């Protein structure tokens, strides 16, 4: 690739994954070689690893206001989401087969729901308004005597809208139903306390807050007993089989500790960059739609629809300029279909197709924003110049 003097690399896809913090890596390194024991072995090497896991579990529990016995390690957010939904569905099927979720959940929840539907469970998908918010009143109406679980994400991975989970949870509990929230995008970006939210289960994943990939956790409130999801061993107090990923567990605890310690400082920095970016885009590029709630959203997220052009073309052109962003969730980026989240929010197919998610991180700078806006102006102009839709709009044949 030819790089001129104006070329720079800008990473604006932190909701897909974050780089591992050097302090996190240093926490992990000893458990790859020097302290390599299996945490379930009863000899000294195993005990050393088991101590690291227990220390990490207690640290994570304290950071989210949980008990250490309520934290279960998984391979990531997707496994934890699957476990929460299917574990409760199978454990409580004698009480009912009705589950409620929202229409804008992550693919891990949506795909699990489809599997459960195929097995005879009945799903209700709550609608959202144009900002991506679930209505507590709609949830209240949807609850039935055979409802066994409600699952609504804390913050949306595509548009960053933060849901009123505490209120939704209270309504759910009034009906005697369990509540799960996917907090994968929220953890490390906004304050998360299971005690304050009141949830029965909560999912998170280390690589979203500068920790390693391949490790996550499911908080399961004491007394809640979902069926086992991964069987074949006695790890995680017999609830989740598989050799414990000691280095990554230690890394996740360190990453969450750093994220919580620096939450206000990082959020302020990231939000200021995001707000500056949004202001510049809306001021300098016509025919754009800022998706999601302007106030009730994650500090790092800016999702725009650029009318009359395809998001994939814009994404690829930005990549050629060294700018990394996303056309939606990284877990569904291989799909040619428009975002189910944006469609649920009421966007037209062609408008949803022109959407890009920019998500900022603690390492980004104002210079990154200026460069990105400069390239956006050039690329959007170039793509609209060859867009039949834009030509028809200018001629008055179509309206936006």
Protein backbone atom coordinates (compact mmCIF):
# COMPACT_ATOMS: atom_id res chain seq x y z
CA UNK A 1 0.00 0.00 0.00
CA UNK A 2 1.30 3.45 -0.92
CA UNK A 3 1.21 5.72 2.10
CA UNK A 4 1.51 9.45 1.54
CA UNK A 5 2.57 11.93 4.20
CA UNK A 6 -1.07 12.47 5.13
CA UNK A 7 -1.67 8.77 5.87
CA UNK A 8 -2.17 7.63 9.45
CA UNK A 9 -3.67 4.60 11.13
CA UNK A 10 -6.74 5.26 13.23
CA UNK A 11 -8.51 2.51 15.15
CA UNK A 12 -12.17 3.36 15.73
CA UNK A 13 -13.58 -0.12 16.30
CA UNK A 14 -13.20 -0.53 20.05
CA UNK A 15 -16.66 -2.07 20.38
CA UNK A 16 -15.40 -4.97 18.27
CA UNK A 17 -12.30 -5.44 20.40
CA UNK A 18 -9.69 -3.46 22.30
CA UNK A 19 -5.89 -3.83 22.47
CA UNK A 20 -4.62 -5.61 25.55
CA UNK A 21 -3.28 -3.14 28.09
CA UNK A 22 0.41 -3.73 28.79
CA UNK A 23 -0.29 -3.99 32.52
CA UNK A 24 -2.84 -6.70 31.79
CA UNK A 25 -0.34 -8.61 29.66
CA UNK A 26 2.24 -8.44 32.44
CA UNK A 27 -0.34 -9.87 34.86
CA UNK A 28 -0.96 -12.78 32.49
CA UNK A 29 2.58 -13.72 31.46
CA UNK A 30 3.66 -15.76 34.53
CA UNK A 31 0.73 -18.15 34.10
CA UNK A 32 1.81 -19.19 30.62
CA UNK A 33 5.16 -20.63 31.75
CA UNK A 34 6.43 -20.04 35.28
CA UNK A 35 3.11 -20.77 37.00
CA UNK A 36 1.67 -23.11 34.40
CA UNK A 37 -0.26 -25.54 36.63
CA UNK A 38 -3.79 -26.74 35.98
CA UNK A 39 -6.03 -24.95 38.47
CA UNK A 40 -7.88 -28.21 39.17
CA UNK A 41 -4.80 -30.27 40.00
CA UNK A 42 -4.33 -30.96 43.71
CA UNK A 43 -0.52 -30.62 43.82
CA UNK A 44 1.46 -27.44 44.46
CA UNK A 45 1.57 -26.34 40.82
CA UNK A 46 -2.21 -26.64 40.62
CA UNK A 47 -2.74 -24.88 43.93
CA UNK A 48 -0.70 -21.92 42.71
CA UNK A 49 -2.91 -21.62 39.64
CA UNK A 50 -6.07 -22.15 41.68
CA UNK A 51 -5.05 -19.30 43.98
CA UNK A 52 -4.71 -16.99 40.96
CA UNK A 53 -8.18 -17.96 39.74
CA UNK A 54 -9.73 -17.49 43.16
CA UNK A 55 -8.04 -14.11 43.57
CA UNK A 56 -9.33 -13.02 40.15
CA UNK A 57 -12.84 -14.26 40.91
CA UNK A 58 -12.96 -12.33 44.18
CA UNK A 59 -11.58 -9.19 42.56
CA UNK A 60 -14.12 -9.26 39.73
CA UNK A 61 -16.98 -9.96 42.14
CA UNK A 62 -16.06 -6.98 44.29
CA UNK A 63 -15.83 -4.69 41.26
CA UNK A 64 -19.42 -5.45 40.20
CA UNK A 65 -20.89 -5.74 43.74
CA UNK A 66 -21.34 -9.51 43.57
CA UNK A 67 -20.26 -12.45 45.74
CA UNK A 68 -17.29 -14.45 44.48
CA UNK A 69 -19.45 -17.58 44.44
CA UNK A 70 -21.69 -15.87 41.85
CA UNK A 71 -18.97 -15.45 39.19
CA UNK A 72 -18.53 -18.20 36.59
CA UNK A 73 -15.79 -17.99 33.96
CA UNK A 74 -16.59 -18.77 30.32
CA UNK A 75 -14.87 -18.56 26.94
CA UNK A 76 -16.48 -15.17 26.31
CA UNK A 77 -19.72 -13.24 26.05
CA UNK A 78 -21.28 -15.49 23.43
CA UNK A 79 -20.97 -18.61 25.57
CA UNK A 80 -22.21 -16.75 28.63
CA UNK A 81 -25.28 -15.46 26.72
CA UNK A 82 -26.03 -18.94 25.43
CA UNK A 83 -25.67 -20.40 28.91
CA UNK A 84 -27.95 -17.79 30.49
CA UNK A 85 -30.78 -18.29 28.00
CA UNK A 86 -30.62 -22.02 27.43
CA UNK A 87 -29.64 -22.82 31.00
CA UNK A 88 -32.75 -21.12 32.39
CA UNK A 89 -34.97 -22.35 29.54
CA UNK A 90 -34.08 -25.99 30.22
CA UNK A 91 -34.05 -25.69 34.01
CA UNK A 92 -37.48 -24.03 34.17
CA UNK A 93 -39.33 -25.62 31.27
CA UNK A 94 -41.74 -27.28 33.69
CA UNK A 95 -42.84 -23.79 34.80
CA UNK A 96 -43.36 -22.44 31.30
CA UNK A 97 -41.79 -21.99 27.88
CA UNK A 98 -42.23 -18.26 27.30
CA UNK A 99 -39.17 -15.98 27.07
CA UNK A 100 -39.05 -12.24 26.44
CA UNK A 101 -36.17 -10.37 24.82
CA UNK A 102 -35.74 -7.23 22.72
CA UNK A 103 -35.61 -6.89 18.94
CA UNK A 104 -32.10 -5.38 19.01
CA UNK A 105 -30.13 -7.97 20.98
CA UNK A 106 -26.68 -9.25 20.04
CA UNK A 107 -26.49 -12.22 17.69
CA UNK A 108 -25.58 -14.49 20.64
CA UNK A 109 -29.00 -13.84 22.16
CA UNK A 110 -30.97 -13.73 18.91
CA UNK A 111 -29.53 -17.01 17.61
CA UNK A 112 -30.11 -18.71 20.97
CA UNK A 113 -33.73 -17.55 20.90
CA UNK A 114 -34.20 -18.99 17.40
CA UNK A 115 -32.82 -22.32 18.58
CA UNK A 116 -35.19 -22.32 21.54
CA UNK A 117 -38.13 -21.47 19.28
CA UNK A 118 -37.27 -24.50 17.16
CA UNK A 119 -37.50 -26.59 20.35
CA UNK A 120 -41.00 -25.40 21.20
CA UNK A 121 -40.32 -22.31 23.28
CA UNK A 122 -42.35 -19.17 22.62
CA UNK A 123 -40.43 -15.90 22.23
CA UNK A 124 -41.71 -12.35 22.49
CA UNK A 125 -39.45 -9.73 20.90
CA UNK A 126 -40.02 -6.29 22.41
CA UNK A 127 -39.99 -3.43 19.93
CA UNK A 128 -37.84 -0.31 20.39
CA UNK A 129 -38.46 3.33 19.55
CA UNK A 130 -36.50 5.34 16.98
CA UNK A 131 -33.71 5.82 19.55
CA UNK A 132 -33.40 2.11 20.27
CA UNK A 133 -35.06 2.14 23.69
CA UNK A 134 -37.27 -0.63 25.06
CA UNK A 135 -40.55 0.48 26.64
CA UNK A 136 -41.06 -0.67 30.24
CA UNK A 137 -44.83 -0.50 29.62
CA UNK A 138 -44.51 -2.91 26.69
CA UNK A 139 -42.52 -5.33 28.82
CA UNK A 140 -45.19 -5.22 31.51
CA UNK A 141 -47.87 -6.12 28.94
CA UNK A 142 -45.76 -8.94 27.50
CA UNK A 143 -45.23 -10.77 30.80
CA UNK A 144 -47.39 -13.87 31.24
CA UNK A 145 -47.98 -16.57 33.82
CA UNK A 146 -45.74 -18.94 31.82
CA UNK A 147 -42.88 -16.44 31.30
CA UNK A 148 -39.66 -17.85 32.73
CA UNK A 149 -37.02 -15.33 31.61
CA UNK A 150 -36.54 -11.78 30.33
CA UNK A 151 -33.25 -10.87 28.64
CA UNK A 152 -32.56 -7.26 27.62
CA UNK A 153 -29.06 -5.96 26.97
CA UNK A 154 -27.66 -3.15 29.12
CA UNK A 155 -26.20 -1.27 26.16
CA UNK A 156 -26.58 -1.95 22.46
CA UNK A 157 -23.47 -3.00 20.59
CA UNK A 158 -24.34 -1.15 17.36
CA UNK A 159 -25.85 2.19 18.38
CA UNK A 160 -24.75 2.36 22.02
CA UNK A 161 -28.20 3.03 23.47
CA UNK A 162 -28.29 2.27 27.21
CA UNK A 163 -31.49 0.55 28.31
CA UNK A 164 -33.42 1.26 31.55
CA UNK A 165 -32.41 -2.17 32.86
CA UNK A 166 -33.02 -1.39 36.52
CA UNK A 167 -36.64 -0.45 35.80
CA UNK A 168 -37.13 -3.38 33.43
CA UNK A 169 -35.73 -5.73 36.07
CA UNK A 170 -38.09 -4.41 38.76
CA UNK A 171 -41.09 -4.97 36.49
CA UNK A 172 -39.86 -8.48 35.71
CA UNK A 173 -39.35 -9.39 39.35
CA UNK A 174 -42.83 -8.14 40.26
CA UNK A 175 -44.08 -10.93 38.01
CA UNK A 176 -41.78 -13.49 39.67
CA UNK A 177 -39.62 -13.88 36.55
CA UNK A 178 -35.82 -14.03 36.21
CA UNK A 179 -33.94 -11.22 34.43
CA UNK A 180 -30.69 -11.48 32.44
CA UNK A 181 -28.74 -8.65 30.86
CA UNK A 182 -25.94 -8.75 28.30
CA UNK A 183 -23.48 -6.17 29.65
CA UNK A 184 -20.66 -7.00 27.23
CA UNK A 185 -20.58 -3.52 25.67
CA UNK A 186 -21.31 -1.67 28.90
CA UNK A 187 -18.71 -3.23 31.17
CA UNK A 188 -15.71 -0.95 31.53
CA UNK A 189 -17.48 1.95 29.80
CA UNK A 190 -20.19 2.87 32.30
CA UNK A 191 -20.70 1.91 35.97
CA UNK A 192 -22.05 -1.65 36.32
CA UNK A 193 -23.31 -2.97 39.66
CA UNK A 194 -25.39 -6.13 39.82
CA UNK A 195 -26.69 -4.99 43.20
CA UNK A 196 -27.91 -1.67 41.82
CA UNK A 197 -29.35 -3.17 38.64
CA UNK A 198 -30.97 -6.02 40.54
CA UNK A 199 -30.37 -8.55 37.76
CA UNK A 200 -30.31 -12.32 38.24
CA UNK A 201 -27.69 -12.92 35.56
CA UNK A 202 -25.22 -10.68 33.76
CA UNK A 203 -22.78 -11.34 30.91
CA UNK A 204 -19.43 -9.68 30.16
CA UNK A 205 -16.26 -10.30 28.14
CA UNK A 206 -12.66 -9.23 28.82
CA UNK A 207 -11.62 -8.12 25.33
CA UNK A 208 -14.10 -5.23 25.38
CA UNK A 209 -12.20 -3.48 28.21
CA UNK A 210 -8.54 -3.94 27.20
CA UNK A 211 -8.31 -7.53 28.40
CA UNK A 212 -7.57 -10.75 26.48
CA UNK A 213 -9.85 -12.43 23.97
CA UNK A 214 -11.31 -15.83 24.74
CA UNK A 215 -12.46 -15.24 28.30
CA UNK A 216 -15.68 -13.89 29.77
CA UNK A 217 -17.95 -14.44 32.72
CA UNK A 218 -21.54 -15.01 33.68
CA UNK A 219 -22.78 -13.59 36.96
CA UNK A 220 -25.46 -15.91 38.39
CA UNK A 221 -27.21 -14.61 41.49
CA UNK A 222 -27.19 -16.96 44.44
CA UNK A 223 -30.21 -19.24 44.39
CA UNK A 224 -30.63 -19.08 40.60
CA UNK A 225 -29.88 -22.51 39.15
CA UNK A 226 -29.66 -22.73 35.36
CA UNK A 227 -28.86 -26.05 33.71
CA UNK A 228 -25.22 -26.68 32.84
CA UNK A 229 -24.28 -25.62 29.32
CA UNK A 230 -20.73 -26.99 28.89
CA UNK A 231 -20.37 -30.40 30.53
CA UNK A 232 -17.47 -32.79 30.88
CA UNK A 233 -15.58 -31.63 33.92
CA UNK A 234 -15.88 -30.39 37.48
CA UNK A 235 -14.53 -26.91 36.90
CA UNK A 236 -16.38 -23.77 38.03
CA UNK A 237 -17.88 -25.58 41.00
CA UNK A 238 -19.13 -28.34 38.63
CA UNK A 239 -21.20 -25.83 36.65
CA UNK A 240 -18.99 -25.36 33.57
CA UNK A 241 -16.63 -28.02 32.27
CA UNK A 242 -13.30 -27.25 30.63
CA UNK A 243 -9.75 -26.53 31.79
CA UNK A 244 -9.64 -23.10 33.38
CA UNK A 245 -7.89 -20.48 31.23
CA UNK A 246 -5.73 -19.22 34.08
CA UNK A 247 -3.71 -16.54 32.22
CA UNK A 248 -6.83 -15.00 30.69
CA UNK A 249 -8.81 -15.16 33.92
CA UNK A 250 -6.00 -13.29 35.68
CA UNK A 251 -5.87 -10.84 32.78
CA UNK A 252 -9.60 -10.20 32.85
CA UNK A 253 -9.52 -9.35 36.54
CA UNK A 254 -6.64 -6.92 36.04
CA UNK A 255 -8.33 -5.34 33.02
CA UNK A 256 -11.59 -4.82 34.89
CA UNK A 257 -9.75 -3.41 37.87
CA UNK A 258 -8.01 -0.83 35.65
CA UNK A 259 -11.21 -0.05 33.78
CA UNK A 260 -13.16 0.65 36.97
CA UNK A 261 -10.31 2.64 38.55
CA UNK A 262 -10.04 4.90 35.50
CA UNK A 263 -13.69 4.83 34.43
CA UNK A 264 -14.49 8.52 34.89
CA UNK A 265 -11.23 9.75 33.37
CA UNK A 266 -11.44 7.47 30.34
CA UNK A 267 -15.15 8.12 29.77
CA UNK A 268 -14.63 11.88 29.87
CA UNK A 269 -11.79 11.70 27.33
CA UNK A 270 -13.58 9.28 25.03
CA UNK A 271 -16.90 11.13 25.17
CA UNK A 272 -15.23 14.45 24.36
CA UNK A 273 -13.67 12.93 21.24
CA UNK A 274 -16.94 11.24 20.28
CA UNK A 275 -18.93 14.45 20.72
CA UNK A 276 -16.39 16.44 18.71
CA UNK A 277 -16.54 13.83 15.94
CA UNK A 278 -20.36 13.88 15.88
CA UNK A 279 -20.40 17.67 15.74
CA UNK A 280 -17.89 17.78 12.88
CA UNK A 281 -19.68 15.12 10.83
CA UNK A 282 -23.09 16.73 11.24
CA UNK A 283 -21.64 20.16 10.41
CA UNK A 284 -19.58 19.17 7.38
CA UNK A 285 -21.39 16.25 5.74
CA UNK A 286 -25.01 16.68 4.60
CA UNK A 287 -27.66 13.94 4.59
CA UNK A 288 -26.44 11.98 7.61
CA UNK A 289 -28.50 10.41 10.41
CA UNK A 290 -27.05 9.98 13.90
CA UNK A 291 -28.50 6.70 15.13
CA UNK A 292 -29.40 6.01 18.75
CA UNK A 293 -30.23 8.14 21.76
CA UNK A 294 -28.03 11.24 22.03
CA UNK A 295 -27.89 11.16 25.82
CA UNK A 296 -28.62 7.58 26.95
CA UNK A 297 -25.72 6.00 25.10
CA UNK A 298 -22.24 4.65 25.67
CA UNK A 299 -19.54 7.35 25.63
CA UNK A 300 -17.54 5.65 22.88
CA UNK A 301 -20.26 5.04 20.31
CA UNK A 302 -21.13 7.10 17.21
CA UNK A 303 -23.30 5.36 14.62
CA UNK A 304 -24.11 7.27 11.44
CA UNK A 305 -26.18 6.49 8.36
CA UNK A 306 -24.76 8.19 5.27
CA UNK A 307 -27.65 8.45 2.85
CA UNK A 308 -27.41 7.43 -0.83
CA UNK A 309 -24.30 5.23 -0.40
CA UNK A 310 -23.45 1.68 0.71
CA UNK A 311 -21.84 1.28 4.09
CA UNK A 312 -19.53 -1.50 2.86
CA UNK A 313 -18.07 0.77 0.16
CA UNK A 314 -17.52 3.50 2.70
CA UNK A 315 -15.96 1.02 5.12
CA UNK A 316 -13.50 -0.31 2.54
CA UNK A 317 -12.48 3.16 1.40
CA UNK A 318 -11.88 4.22 4.98
CA UNK A 319 -9.74 1.12 5.51
CA UNK A 320 -7.57 2.13 2.53
CA UNK A 321 -6.96 5.39 4.38
CA UNK A 322 -5.94 3.49 7.53
CA UNK A 323 -9.20 4.05 9.38
CA UNK A 324 -10.72 0.99 11.04
CA UNK A 325 -14.41 1.06 11.89
CA UNK A 326 -17.42 -1.21 11.39
CA UNK A 327 -20.63 -1.52 9.44
CA UNK A 328 -22.29 -2.96 12.57
CA UNK A 329 -21.53 -5.71 15.02
CA UNK A 330 -18.26 -7.54 14.35
CA UNK A 331 -20.19 -10.77 14.90
CA UNK A 332 -22.46 -10.07 11.94
CA UNK A 333 -20.10 -8.14 9.67
CA UNK A 334 -20.06 -11.00 7.16
CA UNK A 335 -23.76 -10.56 6.49
CA UNK A 336 -24.98 -8.61 3.47
CA UNK A 337 -28.31 -7.93 5.16
CA UNK A 338 -28.88 -4.51 6.74
CA UNK A 339 -28.58 -4.28 10.51
CA UNK A 340 -31.55 -5.81 12.34
CA UNK A 341 -30.98 -3.19 15.03
CA UNK A 342 -31.40 -0.24 12.66
CA UNK A 343 -34.39 -1.84 10.94
CA UNK A 344 -36.03 -2.36 14.34
CA UNK A 345 -35.46 1.35 15.02
CA UNK A 346 -37.44 2.22 11.91
CA UNK A 347 -34.74 2.98 9.34
CA UNK A 348 -35.40 2.16 5.69
CA UNK A 349 -33.39 -0.71 4.20
CA UNK A 350 -31.39 1.58 1.94
CA UNK A 351 -30.63 3.96 4.82
CA UNK A 352 -29.60 1.13 7.14
CA UNK A 353 -27.27 -0.17 4.41
CA UNK A 354 -25.35 3.11 4.56
CA UNK A 355 -24.54 2.90 8.27
CA UNK A 356 -21.14 2.90 9.93
CA UNK A 357 -20.24 2.41 13.60
CA UNK A 358 -17.31 4.43 14.94
CA UNK A 359 -16.27 3.48 18.47
CA UNK A 360 -13.53 5.40 20.27
CA UNK A 361 -10.97 4.26 22.82
CA UNK A 362 -8.66 5.71 25.43
CA UNK A 363 -5.75 5.88 22.97
CA UNK A 364 -7.53 8.02 20.37
CA UNK A 365 -6.71 11.71 19.89
CA UNK A 366 -8.26 14.84 18.40
CA UNK A 367 -5.87 14.43 15.47
CA UNK A 368 -7.43 11.01 14.82
CA UNK A 369 -10.86 12.65 14.66
CA UNK A 370 -9.73 15.44 12.34
CA UNK A 371 -8.10 12.96 9.98
CA UNK A 372 -11.16 10.71 9.98
CA UNK A 373 -13.55 13.58 9.26
CA UNK A 374 -11.29 14.83 6.47
CA UNK A 375 -11.28 11.41 4.80
CA UNK A 376 -15.01 10.94 5.38
CA UNK A 377 -15.77 14.15 3.53
CA UNK A 378 -13.64 13.03 0.56
CA UNK A 379 -14.98 9.46 0.42
CA UNK A 380 -18.66 10.33 0.92
CA UNK A 381 -18.37 12.94 -1.82
CA UNK A 382 -16.72 10.46 -4.18
CA UNK A 383 -19.27 7.70 -3.52
CA UNK A 384 -22.24 10.02 -3.87
CA UNK A 385 -20.88 11.29 -7.16
CA UNK A 386 -21.35 7.81 -8.62
CA UNK A 387 -24.54 6.97 -6.73
CA UNK A 388 -27.71 6.58 -8.86
CA UNK A 389 -29.80 7.25 -5.74
CA UNK A 390 -28.04 10.55 -5.10
CA UNK A 391 -28.49 11.54 -8.76
CA UNK A 392 -32.22 10.83 -8.53
CA UNK A 393 -32.40 12.82 -5.29
CA UNK A 394 -30.72 15.84 -6.86
CA UNK A 395 -33.11 15.66 -9.81
CA UNK A 396 -36.08 15.56 -7.45
CA UNK A 397 -37.14 12.09 -8.51
CA UNK A 398 -36.92 10.71 -4.95
CA UNK A 399 -37.20 12.27 -1.51
CA UNK A 400 -35.30 11.34 1.65
